[in-house]
Amino acid sequence: MPAVNPRQPPSPPTAPPTSAPGAATAPQSPAPVVAAPVTHYENFPVASLLCPPHLRQPITAIYAFARTADDIADEGDATPAQRLADLAAYRAELTRVAAGQPPAAQWAAVFGPLQAVLRNHALPVTLLDDLLSAFIQDVQKTRDAQGYADRTELLDYCRRSANPVGRLLLHLYGVTGAQALEESDAICTALQLINFWQDLSTDIPRGRFYLPRDECVRFGVKQADILARQDTENTRKLIASCASTARAHMQNGMELVHRLPGRAGWELRLVVQGGLRILDKIAALDHATLQRRPKLYAWDYGVMLWRAVWM
């Protein structure tokens, strides 16, 4: 399922201005029940024309919730302390709204539509909270200049930063089987990992370090070399190994496209092929993504569509 890329595109409603917890808010106005449209680039379709029409608004509301939280964690010039305070307030607002209280004015454009989805579709709130726990962890690790000790720790982050989105969508589609959930997790984890390895050239200057330390040691790569974005044979082997792991996760989840009904299954085919195409682009760069970010061009979408048809 499409993972809301924690750290890529922001869209309306935009990240709110930071404010101290407990600060006075403007008088409440009626909360909107229609989510703002997706207007920013994503690596995957969000509530596209292939999405079942009756689910476009619920999916857009979930996207707006995750995107706004991601913006709080990552966009602008706020300090880590401000980001963590705002994320704590945002998390408290989720708890309030899930309990049936009217959304506060600050994030009404997000929580108004989300509350309607929570009520009408009985979304598991724990999955939404998992997303917030991942964003909070991202802020803390960036603040402390920490990375991930090993693949297990990184995959636990993916479990909370990406996998909940797929499970929320399966919930909306009415797909509940254990095998489908496992396949969804595999696809979402793959999408998150692919995002990491394509964005190394932009993430590392911003203090975001996702290459596991034990993998760096295994390939004889020093963290200082990564932070300096030194493109060497060893760094390319390290990134190639990480990309291979992402591809394996995607392949483990691909059968899910045949379990989803109608349009949803076709949208997922394009999501899967989009991730695999990015991996092709990384390989075409000989895994030198410390220096350059791979891009998709118009003709790549034709390739993705052709491959999606034959899945």
Protein backbone atom coordinates (compact mmCIF):
# COMPACT_ATOMS: atom_id res chain seq x y z
CA MET A 1 0.00 0.00 0.00
CA PRO A 2 1.20 3.56 -0.56
CA ALA A 3 3.28 4.83 2.29
CA VAL A 4 2.91 8.48 3.13
CA ASN A 5 6.48 9.35 2.69
CA PRO A 6 7.47 10.78 6.04
CA ARG A 7 9.53 13.61 4.78
CA GLN A 8 8.73 14.31 1.24
CA PRO A 9 5.94 16.58 -0.02
CA PRO A 10 3.86 19.02 2.09
CA SER A 11 0.39 20.04 1.04
CA PRO A 12 -2.53 22.07 2.30
CA PRO A 13 -3.42 22.17 5.02
CA THR A 14 0.11 23.39 5.71
CA ALA A 15 2.07 22.91 8.89
CA PRO A 16 0.72 25.20 11.59
CA PRO A 17 2.87 27.86 13.21
CA THR A 18 4.60 26.56 16.27
CA SER A 19 3.10 27.54 19.59
CA ALA A 20 3.75 26.70 23.18
CA PRO A 21 1.59 23.94 24.65
CA GLY A 22 -1.38 25.42 26.44
CA ALA A 23 -1.31 28.66 24.46
CA ALA A 24 -4.65 30.33 23.91
CA THR A 25 -6.42 29.43 20.67
CA ALA A 26 -8.87 31.35 18.57
CA PRO A 27 -12.57 30.63 19.06
CA GLN A 28 -13.59 27.40 17.44
CA SER A 29 -15.31 27.47 14.08
CA PRO A 30 -17.24 24.61 12.51
CA ALA A 31 -14.75 21.95 11.49
CA PRO A 32 -14.68 21.10 7.78
CA VAL A 33 -15.69 17.58 6.87
CA VAL A 34 -14.06 17.56 3.42
CA ALA A 35 -10.30 17.09 3.31
CA ALA A 36 -8.16 19.48 1.28
CA PRO A 37 -7.04 18.06 -2.07
CA VAL A 38 -3.59 16.60 -2.58
CA THR A 39 -1.59 19.22 -4.48
CA HIS A 40 2.06 18.21 -3.94
CA TYR A 41 4.20 15.65 -5.67
CA GLU A 42 4.31 12.12 -4.27
CA ASN A 43 6.15 9.03 -5.47
CA PHE A 44 2.81 7.24 -5.47
CA PRO A 45 -0.82 8.08 -6.30
CA VAL A 46 -2.93 9.45 -3.43
CA ALA A 47 -6.69 9.06 -3.92
CA SER A 48 -6.17 8.96 -7.69
CA LEU A 49 -8.83 8.32 -10.32
CA LEU A 50 -8.15 4.61 -9.83
CA CYS A 51 -9.18 4.87 -6.20
CA PRO A 52 -12.78 3.80 -5.51
CA PRO A 53 -14.71 7.11 -5.58
CA HIS A 54 -16.40 6.59 -2.20
CA LEU A 55 -12.97 6.20 -0.55
CA ARG A 56 -11.24 9.26 -2.04
CA GLN A 57 -12.30 11.60 0.74
CA PRO A 58 -11.41 9.17 3.59
CA ILE A 59 -8.00 8.48 2.03
CA THR A 60 -7.36 12.19 1.48
CA ALA A 61 -8.24 12.87 5.13
CA ILE A 62 -5.71 10.26 6.30
CA TYR A 63 -3.10 11.71 3.95
CA ALA A 64 -3.71 15.24 5.29
CA PHE A 65 -3.31 14.00 8.87
CA ALA A 66 0.01 12.29 8.12
CA ARG A 67 1.33 15.04 5.85
CA THR A 68 0.61 17.80 8.35
CA ALA A 69 2.30 15.87 11.15
CA ASP A 70 5.28 15.29 8.88
CA ASP A 71 5.45 19.00 8.10
CA ILE A 72 5.48 19.81 11.81
CA ALA A 73 8.36 17.37 12.25
CA ASP A 74 10.37 18.42 9.22
CA GLU A 75 9.47 21.69 7.52
CA GLY A 76 10.45 25.26 8.34
CA ASP A 77 12.94 26.58 10.85
CA ALA A 78 11.44 25.45 14.16
CA THR A 79 13.75 24.14 16.86
CA PRO A 80 13.57 20.48 17.87
CA ALA A 81 11.93 21.51 21.14
CA GLN A 82 9.24 23.43 19.27
CA ARG A 83 8.66 20.54 16.90
CA LEU A 84 8.31 18.06 19.76
CA ALA A 85 5.93 20.38 21.62
CA ASP A 86 3.75 20.78 18.53
CA LEU A 87 3.76 17.05 17.83
CA ALA A 88 2.72 16.41 21.44
CA ALA A 89 -0.15 18.88 21.01
CA TYR A 90 -1.10 17.27 17.70
CA ARG A 91 -1.07 13.84 19.34
CA ALA A 92 -3.27 15.12 22.16
CA GLU A 93 -5.67 16.53 19.57
CA LEU A 94 -5.91 13.10 17.94
CA THR A 95 -6.89 11.63 21.32
CA ARG A 96 -9.50 14.36 21.86
CA VAL A 97 -11.05 13.99 18.43
CA ALA A 98 -11.07 10.19 18.63
CA ALA A 99 -13.00 10.54 21.89
CA GLY A 100 -15.66 12.55 20.08
CA GLN A 101 -14.72 16.07 21.12
CA PRO A 102 -14.95 18.79 18.46
CA PRO A 103 -11.67 19.68 16.77
CA ALA A 104 -9.85 22.77 18.02
CA ALA A 105 -9.45 25.64 15.59
CA GLN A 106 -5.69 25.23 15.07
CA TRP A 107 -5.93 21.99 13.10
CA ALA A 108 -9.64 21.92 12.29
CA ALA A 109 -8.94 21.55 8.57
CA VAL A 110 -7.18 18.26 9.37
CA PHE A 111 -9.14 16.84 12.27
CA GLY A 112 -12.61 17.81 11.04
CA PRO A 113 -12.44 15.48 8.02
CA LEU A 114 -10.47 12.89 9.99
CA GLN A 115 -13.08 12.78 12.75
CA ALA A 116 -15.75 12.02 10.15
CA VAL A 117 -13.64 9.15 8.84
CA LEU A 118 -12.99 7.85 12.35
CA ARG A 119 -16.71 7.88 13.01
CA ASN A 120 -17.94 6.49 9.69
CA HIS A 121 -15.24 3.87 9.12
CA ALA A 122 -14.10 2.95 12.66
CA LEU A 123 -10.44 3.55 11.83
CA PRO A 124 -7.99 2.01 14.32
CA VAL A 125 -6.64 5.06 16.16
CA THR A 126 -3.55 3.13 17.27
CA LEU A 127 -2.32 3.10 13.66
CA LEU A 128 -2.60 6.88 13.43
CA ASP A 129 -0.77 7.19 16.75
CA ASP A 130 2.00 4.93 15.46
CA LEU A 131 2.65 7.43 12.68
CA LEU A 132 3.05 10.21 15.22
CA SER A 133 5.43 8.15 17.33
CA ALA A 134 7.64 7.71 14.24
CA PHE A 135 7.65 11.44 13.48
CA ILE A 136 8.59 12.17 17.09
CA GLN A 137 11.43 9.64 16.88
CA ASP A 138 12.67 11.29 13.68
CA VAL A 139 12.90 14.68 15.39
CA GLN A 140 14.69 13.20 18.39
CA LYS A 141 17.23 11.25 16.34
CA THR A 142 17.97 14.26 14.14
CA ARG A 143 18.35 16.48 17.19
CA ASP A 144 20.75 14.03 18.82
CA ALA A 145 22.65 13.25 15.58
CA GLN A 146 21.73 9.60 16.01
CA GLY A 147 21.24 7.00 13.34
CA TYR A 148 20.04 3.42 13.48
CA ALA A 149 22.14 0.70 15.06
CA ASP A 150 21.00 -2.10 12.76
CA ARG A 151 18.38 -3.23 10.30
CA THR A 152 16.07 -4.41 13.08
CA GLU A 153 15.90 -0.93 14.56
CA LEU A 154 15.35 0.64 11.14
CA LEU A 155 12.57 -1.81 10.29
CA ASP A 156 10.86 -1.00 13.58
CA TYR A 157 10.83 2.62 12.48
CA CYS A 158 9.27 1.56 9.16
CA ARG A 159 6.69 -0.47 11.08
CA ARG A 160 5.44 2.78 12.59
CA SER A 161 6.27 5.34 9.90
CA ALA A 162 4.95 3.48 6.84
CA ASN A 163 3.12 0.24 7.58
CA PRO A 164 0.15 1.90 9.36
CA VAL A 165 -0.85 3.66 6.13
CA GLY A 166 -1.22 0.39 4.27
CA ARG A 167 -3.17 -1.16 7.12
CA LEU A 168 -5.49 1.87 7.28
CA LEU A 169 -6.19 1.55 3.56
CA LEU A 170 -6.83 -2.18 3.85
CA HIS A 171 -9.27 -1.36 6.65
CA LEU A 172 -11.13 1.02 4.32
CA TYR A 173 -11.15 -1.61 1.55
CA GLY A 174 -12.52 -4.22 3.97
CA VAL A 175 -9.51 -6.51 3.55
CA THR A 176 -8.59 -8.12 6.87
CA GLY A 177 -6.72 -11.36 6.13
CA ALA A 178 -3.41 -11.95 7.91
CA GLN A 179 -1.60 -12.67 4.64
CA ALA A 180 -2.83 -9.42 3.11
CA LEU A 181 -1.69 -7.45 6.15
CA GLU A 182 1.77 -9.02 5.98
CA GLU A 183 2.03 -8.22 2.28
CA SER A 184 0.89 -4.67 2.86
CA ASP A 185 3.56 -4.25 5.54
CA ALA A 186 6.19 -5.57 3.14
CA ILE A 187 5.18 -3.09 0.41
CA CYS A 188 5.02 -0.13 2.78
CA THR A 189 8.38 -0.97 4.35
CA ALA A 190 9.86 -1.28 0.86
CA LEU A 191 8.50 2.14 -0.14
CA GLN A 192 9.95 3.72 3.01
CA LEU A 193 13.36 2.13 2.44
CA ILE A 194 13.35 3.15 -1.22
CA ASN A 195 12.65 6.71 -0.14
CA PHE A 196 15.63 6.60 2.22
CA TRP A 197 18.07 5.34 -0.40
CA GLN A 198 16.93 7.70 -3.15
CA ASP A 199 17.11 10.72 -0.82
CA LEU A 200 20.57 10.23 0.68
CA SER A 201 21.97 13.29 -1.10
CA THR A 202 19.33 15.55 0.47
CA ASP A 203 18.74 13.83 3.81
CA ILE A 204 22.34 13.65 5.00
CA PRO A 205 23.00 17.42 4.76
CA ARG A 206 19.87 17.87 6.88
CA GLY A 207 21.17 15.56 9.61
CA ARG A 208 18.97 12.59 8.74
CA PHE A 209 20.95 9.34 8.73
CA TYR A 210 19.19 6.06 7.98
CA LEU A 211 22.02 3.76 6.88
CA PRO A 212 22.33 1.18 9.70
CA ARG A 213 25.62 1.41 11.56
CA ASP A 214 26.26 -2.34 11.50
CA GLU A 215 25.85 -2.34 7.72
CA CYS A 216 28.31 0.52 7.44
CA VAL A 217 30.82 -1.48 9.46
CA ARG A 218 30.23 -4.59 7.34
CA PHE A 219 31.09 -2.68 4.17
CA GLY A 220 34.01 -0.78 5.71
CA VAL A 221 32.27 2.58 5.46
CA LYS A 222 32.90 5.19 8.14
CA GLN A 223 30.05 7.40 9.22
CA ALA A 224 32.27 10.43 8.65
CA ASP A 225 32.59 9.40 4.99
CA ILE A 226 28.82 9.19 4.66
CA LEU A 227 28.33 12.56 6.33
CA ALA A 228 30.87 14.01 3.88
CA ARG A 229 28.93 12.27 1.06
CA GLN A 230 32.07 10.63 -0.23
CA ASP A 231 31.22 8.43 -3.19
CA THR A 232 33.46 5.35 -3.01
CA GLU A 233 33.30 1.75 -4.10
CA ASN A 234 32.43 0.72 -0.54
CA THR A 235 29.64 3.27 -0.16
CA ARG A 236 28.14 2.10 -3.44
CA LYS A 237 28.26 -1.52 -2.27
CA LEU A 238 26.58 -0.48 0.97
CA ILE A 239 23.78 1.34 -0.84
CA ALA A 240 23.41 -1.54 -3.31
CA SER A 241 22.90 -3.92 -0.40
CA CYS A 242 20.31 -1.65 1.17
CA ALA A 243 18.50 -1.29 -2.17
CA SER A 244 18.50 -5.06 -2.57
CA THR A 245 16.80 -5.40 0.81
CA ALA A 246 14.14 -2.90 -0.24
CA ARG A 247 13.50 -4.83 -3.48
CA ALA A 248 13.16 -8.09 -1.52
CA HIS A 249 10.53 -6.52 0.73
CA MET A 250 8.61 -5.27 -2.31
CA GLN A 251 8.72 -8.68 -3.95
CA ASN A 252 7.47 -10.28 -0.73
CA GLY A 253 4.37 -8.08 -0.83
CA MET A 254 3.56 -8.01 -4.54
CA GLU A 255 0.87 -10.67 -4.44
CA LEU A 256 -1.32 -8.21 -2.58
CA VAL A 257 -2.22 -6.59 -5.91
CA HIS A 258 -4.27 -9.69 -6.68
CA ARG A 259 -6.11 -9.61 -3.35
CA LEU A 260 -7.48 -6.08 -3.65
CA PRO A 261 -10.70 -5.63 -5.59
CA GLY A 262 -11.10 -3.62 -8.77
CA ARG A 263 -9.59 -0.14 -8.96
CA ALA A 264 -7.74 -0.46 -5.65
CA GLY A 265 -5.73 -3.38 -6.99
CA TRP A 266 -4.80 -1.46 -10.14
CA GLU A 267 -3.72 1.57 -8.13
CA LEU A 268 -1.53 -0.66 -5.99
CA ARG A 269 0.07 -2.14 -9.11
CA LEU A 270 1.24 1.34 -10.06
CA VAL A 271 2.47 2.00 -6.52
CA VAL A 272 4.55 -1.20 -6.58
CA GLN A 273 5.92 -0.51 -10.04
CA GLY A 274 6.76 3.07 -9.05
CA GLY A 275 8.89 1.82 -6.18
CA LEU A 276 10.60 -0.78 -8.35
CA ARG A 277 11.28 1.82 -11.02
CA ILE A 278 13.04 4.05 -8.49
CA LEU A 279 15.20 1.07 -7.55
CA ASP A 280 16.02 0.64 -11.25
CA LYS A 281 17.05 4.30 -11.36
CA ILE A 282 19.24 3.88 -8.29
CA ALA A 283 20.96 0.92 -9.95
CA ALA A 284 21.39 2.94 -13.16
CA LEU A 285 23.31 5.51 -11.12
CA ASP A 286 25.53 2.64 -9.90
CA HIS A 287 24.12 3.37 -6.43
CA ALA A 288 25.84 6.76 -6.25
CA THR A 289 22.87 8.36 -4.49
CA LEU A 290 25.12 10.09 -1.99
CA GLN A 291 25.75 12.51 -4.85
CA ARG A 292 22.59 12.47 -6.94
CA ARG A 293 18.89 11.82 -6.45
CA PRO A 294 17.32 9.57 -9.10
CA LYS A 295 14.40 11.02 -11.06
CA LEU A 296 11.46 9.60 -12.93
CA TYR A 297 10.75 11.00 -16.40
CA ALA A 298 7.63 10.89 -18.53
CA TRP A 299 8.66 7.72 -20.34
CA ASP A 300 9.23 5.95 -17.04
CA TYR A 301 5.51 6.14 -16.34
CA GLY A 302 4.84 4.27 -19.55
CA VAL A 303 7.23 1.55 -18.40
CA MET A 304 5.50 1.41 -15.02
CA LEU A 305 2.06 1.11 -16.64
CA TRP A 306 3.22 -1.64 -19.00
CA ARG A 307 4.74 -3.63 -16.14
CA ALA A 308 1.65 -3.08 -13.99
CA VAL A 309 -0.54 -4.65 -16.67
CA TRP A 310 1.56 -7.80 -16.67
CA MET A 311 1.82 -8.31 -12.92
